[in-house]
Protein backbone atom coordinates (compact mmCIF):
# COMPACT_ATOMS: atom_id res chain seq x y z
CA MET A 1 -6.19 10.08 -0.71
CA GLU A 2 -8.62 7.28 -1.21
CA THR A 3 -9.73 4.65 2.02
CA TYR A 4 -9.46 1.36 1.61
CA ALA A 5 -12.31 0.12 2.14
CA ASN A 6 -11.33 -2.89 4.79
CA LEU A 7 -14.50 -5.29 3.80
CA SER A 8 -12.40 -8.08 5.08
CA GLY A 9 -12.64 -5.98 8.92
CA ASN A 10 -9.22 -6.44 10.50
CA SER A 11 -6.81 -4.92 8.10
CA SER A 12 -3.98 -2.69 8.47
CA VAL A 13 -4.40 -0.51 5.46
CA VAL A 14 -6.57 2.42 6.03
CA ARG A 15 -6.10 5.03 2.79
CA TYR A 16 -3.47 4.55 -0.21
CA LEU A 17 -2.77 6.69 -3.62
CA VAL A 18 -2.42 5.60 -6.60
CA GLY A 19 0.14 6.78 -8.43
CA SER A 20 1.63 6.81 -12.33
CA GLY A 21 3.46 3.37 -11.75
CA SER A 22 3.04 3.37 -7.55
CA ILE A 23 1.30 2.87 -4.73
CA VAL A 24 1.74 4.74 -1.65
CA VAL A 25 0.08 2.48 1.79
CA GLU A 26 -1.71 4.27 5.31
CA PHE A 27 -1.16 2.18 7.52
CA ALA A 28 -3.22 2.75 11.46
CA SER A 29 -0.09 1.84 13.43
CA GLY A 30 3.27 2.06 13.73
CA SER A 31 6.20 5.03 13.58
CA ASP A 32 6.03 4.66 9.83
CA THR A 33 2.48 4.56 8.35
CA PHE A 34 3.00 5.72 4.75
CA TYR A 35 4.94 2.77 2.22
CA LYS A 36 5.20 4.07 -1.15
CA TYR A 37 5.73 0.90 -3.97
CA THR A 38 6.93 1.83 -7.48
CA HIS A 39 6.99 -0.28 -10.57
CA ILE A 40 11.27 0.05 -9.15
CA SER A 41 11.67 -1.55 -6.21
CA ALA A 42 8.53 -4.10 -6.40
CA GLY A 43 8.18 -4.98 -9.81
CA GLN A 44 5.45 -4.22 -12.47
CA SER A 45 2.78 -7.27 -11.32
CA ALA A 46 3.88 -6.37 -7.83
CA ILE A 47 1.77 -2.87 -8.10
CA GLU A 48 -0.39 -4.26 -10.99
CA GLU A 49 -1.47 -7.12 -8.34
CA MET A 50 -1.58 -3.99 -4.88
CA VAL A 51 -3.61 -2.14 -7.30
CA ARG A 52 -6.34 -4.35 -7.90
CA LEU A 53 -6.61 -5.37 -4.81
CA ALA A 54 -6.01 -1.93 -2.87
CA LYS A 55 -9.53 -0.98 -5.20
CA GLN A 56 -11.64 -4.04 -4.55
CA GLY A 57 -10.79 -3.40 -0.51
CA GLN A 58 -9.74 -6.65 0.88
CA GLY A 59 -6.27 -8.98 0.10
CA LEU A 60 -3.98 -6.02 0.00
CA ASN A 61 -2.53 -5.50 4.25
CA SER A 62 -2.22 -9.75 3.63
CA TYR A 63 -0.63 -9.54 -0.43
CA ILE A 64 2.17 -6.82 1.31
CA ARG A 65 2.69 -9.58 4.82
CA THR A 66 3.42 -12.90 2.89
CA ASN A 67 4.67 -10.73 -0.88
CA LYS A 68 6.96 -8.56 1.37
CA PRO A 69 7.45 -6.61 -2.24
CA PRO A 70 10.74 -3.95 -1.12
CA TYR A 71 9.36 0.15 -0.59
CA ALA A 72 10.75 2.15 -2.05
CA SER A 73 10.22 4.53 0.69
CA LYS A 74 9.03 5.57 3.75
CA GLY A 75 7.73 8.14 6.52
CA THR A 76 5.43 8.67 8.89
CA THR A 77 3.34 12.10 6.87
CA LEU A 78 2.43 11.54 2.97
CA ASN A 79 4.86 14.63 2.34
CA SER A 80 7.63 12.68 4.19
CA LEU A 81 7.92 10.56 0.74
């Protein structure tokens, strides 16, 4: 997983992992901290935007909170997805 740059300094996103047609996002808190979004669950354009924001290091948490893209799975560890 890649560390999220968090350029704004106030994101709850900690790390992310880009896969083929998917992105896994790790959040700092909550009972389920890993969320996997896929092109099937959220749509290709949403995945592309989330990957762009993740690599940019800013705006990913805001995008997720505002647009609420459907996730494919969630869990307490990366392996639980």
